[in-house]
């Protein structure tokens, strides 16, 4: 087998396309943002209760962002970048 054929065969062996990886990075960013928003709210003194852990951001916004990020991941995996409109 010639060197040219070997290079052609070894080229472009990625499972996903550029569009898939872009959506995956967007999804990972959204998931990371959700986990960052969930963090914090603790108290330095274990005998003192801090009601900040039950605010709207940690209970509603952050988990919603994490689920949206997982939705982006599923979409990125199922997206077919080779599909053309005029097939």
C-alpha atoms as a PDB file:
ATOM      1  CA  UNK A   1       0.000   0.000   0.000  1.00  0.00           C
ATOM      2  CA  UNK A   2       1.397   3.390  -0.962  1.00  0.00           C
ATOM      3  CA  UNK A   3       2.138   6.171   1.463  1.00  0.00           C
ATOM      4  CA  UNK A   4      -0.459   8.420  -0.150  1.00  0.00           C
ATOM      5  CA  UNK A   5      -3.270   5.912   0.400  1.00  0.00           C
ATOM      6  CA  UNK A   6      -2.219   5.403   4.009  1.00  0.00           C
ATOM      7  CA  UNK A   7      -2.331   9.146   4.681  1.00  0.00           C
ATOM      8  CA  UNK A   8      -5.767   9.422   3.053  1.00  0.00           C
ATOM      9  CA  UNK A   9      -7.073   6.557   5.126  1.00  0.00           C
ATOM     10  CA  UNK A  10      -5.643   7.978   8.374  1.00  0.00           C
ATOM     11  CA  UNK A  11      -7.030  11.466   7.689  1.00  0.00           C
ATOM     12  CA  UNK A  12     -10.395  12.582   9.150  1.00  0.00           C
ATOM     13  CA  UNK A  13     -11.098   9.714  11.522  1.00  0.00           C
ATOM     14  CA  UNK A  14     -13.085  11.818  13.993  1.00  0.00           C
ATOM     15  CA  UNK A  15     -16.377  10.363  15.127  1.00  0.00           C
ATOM     16  CA  UNK A  16     -18.163  13.710  15.254  1.00  0.00           C
ATOM     17  CA  UNK A  17     -17.977  16.811  13.115  1.00  0.00           C
ATOM     18  CA  UNK A  18     -17.030  20.344  14.086  1.00  0.00           C
ATOM     19  CA  UNK A  19     -20.662  21.255  14.705  1.00  0.00           C
ATOM     20  CA  UNK A  20     -21.047  18.359  17.154  1.00  0.00           C
ATOM     21  CA  UNK A  21     -17.987  19.392  19.144  1.00  0.00           C
ATOM     22  CA  UNK A  22     -19.187  23.007  19.216  1.00  0.00           C
ATOM     23  CA  UNK A  23     -22.512  21.961  20.744  1.00  0.00           C
ATOM     24  CA  UNK A  24     -20.693  19.690  23.193  1.00  0.00           C
ATOM     25  CA  UNK A  25     -18.527  22.580  24.399  1.00  0.00           C
ATOM     26  CA  UNK A  26     -21.584  24.811  24.761  1.00  0.00           C
ATOM     27  CA  UNK A  27     -23.300  22.078  26.790  1.00  0.00           C
ATOM     28  CA  UNK A  28     -20.255  21.599  29.014  1.00  0.00           C
ATOM     29  CA  UNK A  29     -20.087  25.337  29.629  1.00  0.00           C
ATOM     30  CA  UNK A  30     -23.765  25.451  30.623  1.00  0.00           C
ATOM     31  CA  UNK A  31     -23.344  22.447  32.951  1.00  0.00           C
ATOM     32  CA  UNK A  32     -20.274  24.035  34.562  1.00  0.00           C
ATOM     33  CA  UNK A  33     -22.171  27.304  35.048  1.00  0.00           C
ATOM     34  CA  UNK A  34     -25.022  25.401  36.717  1.00  0.00           C
ATOM     35  CA  UNK A  35     -22.679  23.688  39.155  1.00  0.00           C
ATOM     36  CA  UNK A  36     -20.910  26.961  39.915  1.00  0.00           C
ATOM     37  CA  UNK A  37     -24.266  28.595  40.695  1.00  0.00           C
ATOM     38  CA  UNK A  38     -25.131  25.693  43.015  1.00  0.00           C
ATOM     39  CA  UNK A  39     -21.967  26.080  45.083  1.00  0.00           C
ATOM     40  CA  UNK A  40     -21.552  28.186  48.175  1.00  0.00           C
ATOM     41  CA  UNK A  41     -24.072  29.298  50.754  1.00  0.00           C
ATOM     42  CA  UNK A  42     -22.526  27.444  53.640  1.00  0.00           C
ATOM     43  CA  UNK A  43     -21.722  28.829  57.043  1.00  0.00           C
ATOM     44  CA  UNK A  44     -18.290  29.093  58.639  1.00  0.00           C
ATOM     45  CA  UNK A  45     -19.731  28.113  61.993  1.00  0.00           C
ATOM     46  CA  UNK A  46     -21.409  24.663  61.929  1.00  0.00           C
ATOM     47  CA  UNK A  47     -23.723  25.677  64.796  1.00  0.00           C
ATOM     48  CA  UNK A  48     -25.264  28.548  62.813  1.00  0.00           C
ATOM     49  CA  UNK A  49     -27.877  27.846  60.129  1.00  0.00           C
ATOM     50  CA  UNK A  50     -27.599  29.915  56.955  1.00  0.00           C
ATOM     51  CA  UNK A  51     -30.904  30.118  54.990  1.00  0.00           C
ATOM     52  CA  UNK A  52     -28.995  31.232  51.876  1.00  0.00           C
ATOM     53  CA  UNK A  53     -28.704  27.605  50.793  1.00  0.00           C
ATOM     54  CA  UNK A  54     -32.427  27.610  49.966  1.00  0.00           C
ATOM     55  CA  UNK A  55     -32.515  30.673  47.702  1.00  0.00           C
ATOM     56  CA  UNK A  56     -34.024  30.672  44.211  1.00  0.00           C
ATOM     57  CA  UNK A  57     -30.683  30.512  42.402  1.00  0.00           C
ATOM     58  CA  UNK A  58     -29.595  27.251  44.055  1.00  0.00           C
ATOM     59  CA  UNK A  59     -32.975  25.522  44.073  1.00  0.00           C
ATOM     60  CA  UNK A  60     -34.381  26.443  40.644  1.00  0.00           C
ATOM     61  CA  UNK A  61     -31.921  28.190  38.320  1.00  0.00           C
ATOM     62  CA  UNK A  62     -28.816  26.032  38.749  1.00  0.00           C
ATOM     63  CA  UNK A  63     -30.483  22.603  38.328  1.00  0.00           C
ATOM     64  CA  UNK A  64     -32.395  23.923  35.312  1.00  0.00           C
ATOM     65  CA  UNK A  65     -29.133  25.046  33.717  1.00  0.00           C
ATOM     66  CA  UNK A  66     -27.570  21.637  34.361  1.00  0.00           C
ATOM     67  CA  UNK A  67     -30.516  19.873  32.700  1.00  0.00           C
ATOM     68  CA  UNK A  68     -30.383  22.252  29.723  1.00  0.00           C
ATOM     69  CA  UNK A  69     -26.657  21.513  29.425  1.00  0.00           C
ATOM     70  CA  UNK A  70     -27.339  17.777  29.388  1.00  0.00           C
ATOM     71  CA  UNK A  71     -29.952  18.419  26.692  1.00  0.00           C
ATOM     72  CA  UNK A  72     -27.278  20.167  24.618  1.00  0.00           C
ATOM     73  CA  UNK A  73     -25.018  17.137  25.088  1.00  0.00           C
ATOM     74  CA  UNK A  74     -27.691  14.731  23.859  1.00  0.00           C
ATOM     75  CA  UNK A  75     -28.421  16.980  20.885  1.00  0.00           C
ATOM     76  CA  UNK A  76     -24.704  17.202  20.059  1.00  0.00           C
ATOM     77  CA  UNK A  77     -24.355  13.420  20.087  1.00  0.00           C
ATOM     78  CA  UNK A  78     -27.440  12.811  17.943  1.00  0.00           C
ATOM     79  CA  UNK A  79     -26.724  15.649  15.484  1.00  0.00           C
ATOM     80  CA  UNK A  80     -25.750  14.419  12.033  1.00  0.00           C
ATOM     81  CA  UNK A  81     -23.382  17.003  10.495  1.00  0.00           C
ATOM     82  CA  UNK A  82     -23.312  15.238   7.108  1.00  0.00           C
ATOM     83  CA  UNK A  83     -27.031  15.686   6.546  1.00  0.00           C
ATOM     84  CA  UNK A  84     -27.667  18.120   3.712  1.00  0.00           C
ATOM     85  CA  UNK A  85     -30.853  20.097   3.061  1.00  0.00           C
ATOM     86  CA  UNK A  86     -30.967  19.192  -0.626  1.00  0.00           C
ATOM     87  CA  UNK A  87     -30.488  15.420  -0.341  1.00  0.00           C
END
